Amino acid sequence: MSKNLKFGEIREYISRVDGISICIKETLNYELYNFISEVPEKYDGYYLYGIGALNEPFENSGYKTHLALEIMLSEKPRVED
């Protein structure tokens, strides 16, 4: 099985009601979105590097804390062993 999934391949399986933090591995810059539908399609071609939970103040939401999915993406595929 390939370790090189692209974000566009999993987008439809991500919760539609949770916040999303997209972090780019190469720069560690991140963007926050209230819903998966707000995440731009430009990320669909990026490679999935990891998924985790984020429980911190979420600037885009009206909540003081918000459980969100942290999704790390990479411009480059993982190196197969």
C-alpha atoms as a PDB file:
ATOM      1  CA  MET A   1       0.000   0.000   0.000  1.00  0.00           C
ATOM      2  CA  SER A   2       1.303   3.411  -0.934  1.00  0.00           C
ATOM      3  CA  LYS A   3       2.015   5.863   1.862  1.00  0.00           C
ATOM      4  CA  ASN A   4       1.469   8.715  -0.554  1.00  0.00           C
ATOM      5  CA  LEU A   5      -2.183   9.668  -0.228  1.00  0.00           C
ATOM      6  CA  LYS A   6      -3.179  13.070  -1.500  1.00  0.00           C
ATOM      7  CA  PHE A   7      -5.466  15.302   0.514  1.00  0.00           C
ATOM      8  CA  GLY A   8      -8.042  15.282  -2.279  1.00  0.00           C
ATOM      9  CA  GLU A   9      -8.380  11.500  -1.854  1.00  0.00           C
ATOM     10  CA  ILE A  10      -9.493  11.790   1.789  1.00  0.00           C
ATOM     11  CA  ARG A  11     -11.366  15.097   1.759  1.00  0.00           C
ATOM     12  CA  GLU A  12     -14.798  13.437   1.464  1.00  0.00           C
ATOM     13  CA  TYR A  13     -14.154  11.362   4.617  1.00  0.00           C
ATOM     14  CA  ILE A  14     -13.374  14.315   6.898  1.00  0.00           C
ATOM     15  CA  SER A  15     -16.064  15.496   9.293  1.00  0.00           C
ATOM     16  CA  ARG A  16     -18.139  18.340   7.907  1.00  0.00           C
ATOM     17  CA  VAL A  17     -18.774  19.905  11.327  1.00  0.00           C
ATOM     18  CA  ASP A  18     -15.309  20.108  12.893  1.00  0.00           C
ATOM     19  CA  GLY A  19     -12.734  22.866  12.541  1.00  0.00           C
ATOM     20  CA  ILE A  20      -9.709  22.166  10.354  1.00  0.00           C
ATOM     21  CA  SER A  21      -6.126  23.320  10.741  1.00  0.00           C
ATOM     22  CA  ILE A  22      -4.037  22.820   7.592  1.00  0.00           C
ATOM     23  CA  CYS A  23      -0.303  22.857   8.320  1.00  0.00           C
ATOM     24  CA  ILE A  24       2.279  22.705   5.541  1.00  0.00           C
ATOM     25  CA  LYS A  25       5.242  20.529   6.530  1.00  0.00           C
ATOM     26  CA  GLU A  26       7.878  22.463   4.607  1.00  0.00           C
ATOM     27  CA  THR A  27       7.095  25.822   6.228  1.00  0.00           C
ATOM     28  CA  LEU A  28       5.073  24.863   9.347  1.00  0.00           C
ATOM     29  CA  ASN A  29       2.682  27.660   8.375  1.00  0.00           C
ATOM     30  CA  TYR A  30      -0.939  26.858   9.057  1.00  0.00           C
ATOM     31  CA  GLU A  31      -4.391  28.099   8.158  1.00  0.00           C
ATOM     32  CA  LEU A  32      -7.576  27.615  10.199  1.00  0.00           C
ATOM     33  CA  TYR A  33     -10.984  26.812   8.744  1.00  0.00           C
ATOM     34  CA  ASN A  34     -14.309  26.324  10.491  1.00  0.00           C
ATOM     35  CA  PHE A  35     -15.415  23.546   8.114  1.00  0.00           C
ATOM     36  CA  ILE A  36     -13.844  21.205   5.550  1.00  0.00           C
ATOM     37  CA  SER A  37     -15.934  22.899   2.853  1.00  0.00           C
ATOM     38  CA  GLU A  38     -13.902  26.098   3.422  1.00  0.00           C
ATOM     39  CA  VAL A  39     -10.523  24.432   2.747  1.00  0.00           C
ATOM     40  CA  PRO A  40      -9.375  25.546  -0.739  1.00  0.00           C
ATOM     41  CA  GLU A  41      -9.074  22.911  -3.459  1.00  0.00           C
ATOM     42  CA  LYS A  42      -5.463  24.015  -4.014  1.00  0.00           C
ATOM     43  CA  TYR A  43      -4.545  21.626  -1.164  1.00  0.00           C
ATOM     44  CA  ASP A  44      -6.084  18.579  -2.882  1.00  0.00           C
ATOM     45  CA  GLY A  45      -2.804  17.883  -4.706  1.00  0.00           C
ATOM     46  CA  TYR A  46      -0.696  18.015  -1.543  1.00  0.00           C
ATOM     47  CA  TYR A  47       0.410  14.781   0.115  1.00  0.00           C
ATOM     48  CA  LEU A  48      -1.067  13.779   3.449  1.00  0.00           C
ATOM     49  CA  TYR A  49       1.677  13.672   6.062  1.00  0.00           C
ATOM     50  CA  GLY A  50      -0.341  13.299   9.270  1.00  0.00           C
ATOM     51  CA  ILE A  51      -3.647  13.856  11.086  1.00  0.00           C
ATOM     52  CA  GLY A  52      -4.117  14.759  14.733  1.00  0.00           C
ATOM     53  CA  ALA A  53      -6.367  16.614  17.150  1.00  0.00           C
ATOM     54  CA  LEU A  54      -6.040  20.262  18.091  1.00  0.00           C
ATOM     55  CA  ASN A  55      -7.689  21.655  21.221  1.00  0.00           C
ATOM     56  CA  GLU A  56      -6.681  25.301  21.414  1.00  0.00           C
ATOM     57  CA  PRO A  57      -8.285  28.687  20.883  1.00  0.00           C
ATOM     58  CA  PHE A  58      -9.510  28.724  17.339  1.00  0.00           C
ATOM     59  CA  GLU A  59      -9.345  32.229  15.855  1.00  0.00           C
ATOM     60  CA  ASN A  60     -11.890  31.654  13.090  1.00  0.00           C
ATOM     61  CA  SER A  61     -14.654  30.341  15.344  1.00  0.00           C
ATOM     62  CA  GLY A  62     -16.823  32.129  17.849  1.00  0.00           C
ATOM     63  CA  TYR A  63     -15.790  29.659  20.560  1.00  0.00           C
ATOM     64  CA  LYS A  64     -13.039  30.177  23.136  1.00  0.00           C
ATOM     65  CA  THR A  65     -11.813  26.644  22.538  1.00  0.00           C
ATOM     66  CA  HIS A  66     -12.631  24.394  19.667  1.00  0.00           C
ATOM     67  CA  LEU A  67     -11.644  20.814  18.992  1.00  0.00           C
ATOM     68  CA  ALA A  68     -10.298  20.692  15.468  1.00  0.00           C
ATOM     69  CA  LEU A  69      -8.522  18.303  13.159  1.00  0.00           C
ATOM     70  CA  GLU A  70      -4.888  19.174  12.501  1.00  0.00           C
ATOM     71  CA  ILE A  71      -3.908  17.974   9.041  1.00  0.00           C
ATOM     72  CA  MET A  72      -0.275  18.194   7.986  1.00  0.00           C
ATOM     73  CA  LEU A  73       0.308  18.280   4.261  1.00  0.00           C
ATOM     74  CA  SER A  74       3.488  18.163   2.239  1.00  0.00           C
ATOM     75  CA  GLU A  75       4.351  19.341  -1.232  1.00  0.00           C
ATOM     76  CA  LYS A  76       6.540  16.239  -1.630  1.00  0.00           C
ATOM     77  CA  PRO A  77       5.570  12.577  -1.248  1.00  0.00           C
ATOM     78  CA  ARG A  78       6.908  10.441   1.583  1.00  0.00           C
ATOM     79  CA  VAL A  79       9.948   8.396   0.716  1.00  0.00           C
ATOM     80  CA  GLU A  80       9.022   4.721   0.497  1.00  0.00           C
ATOM     81  CA  ASP A  81      11.203   2.363   2.556  1.00  0.00           C
END
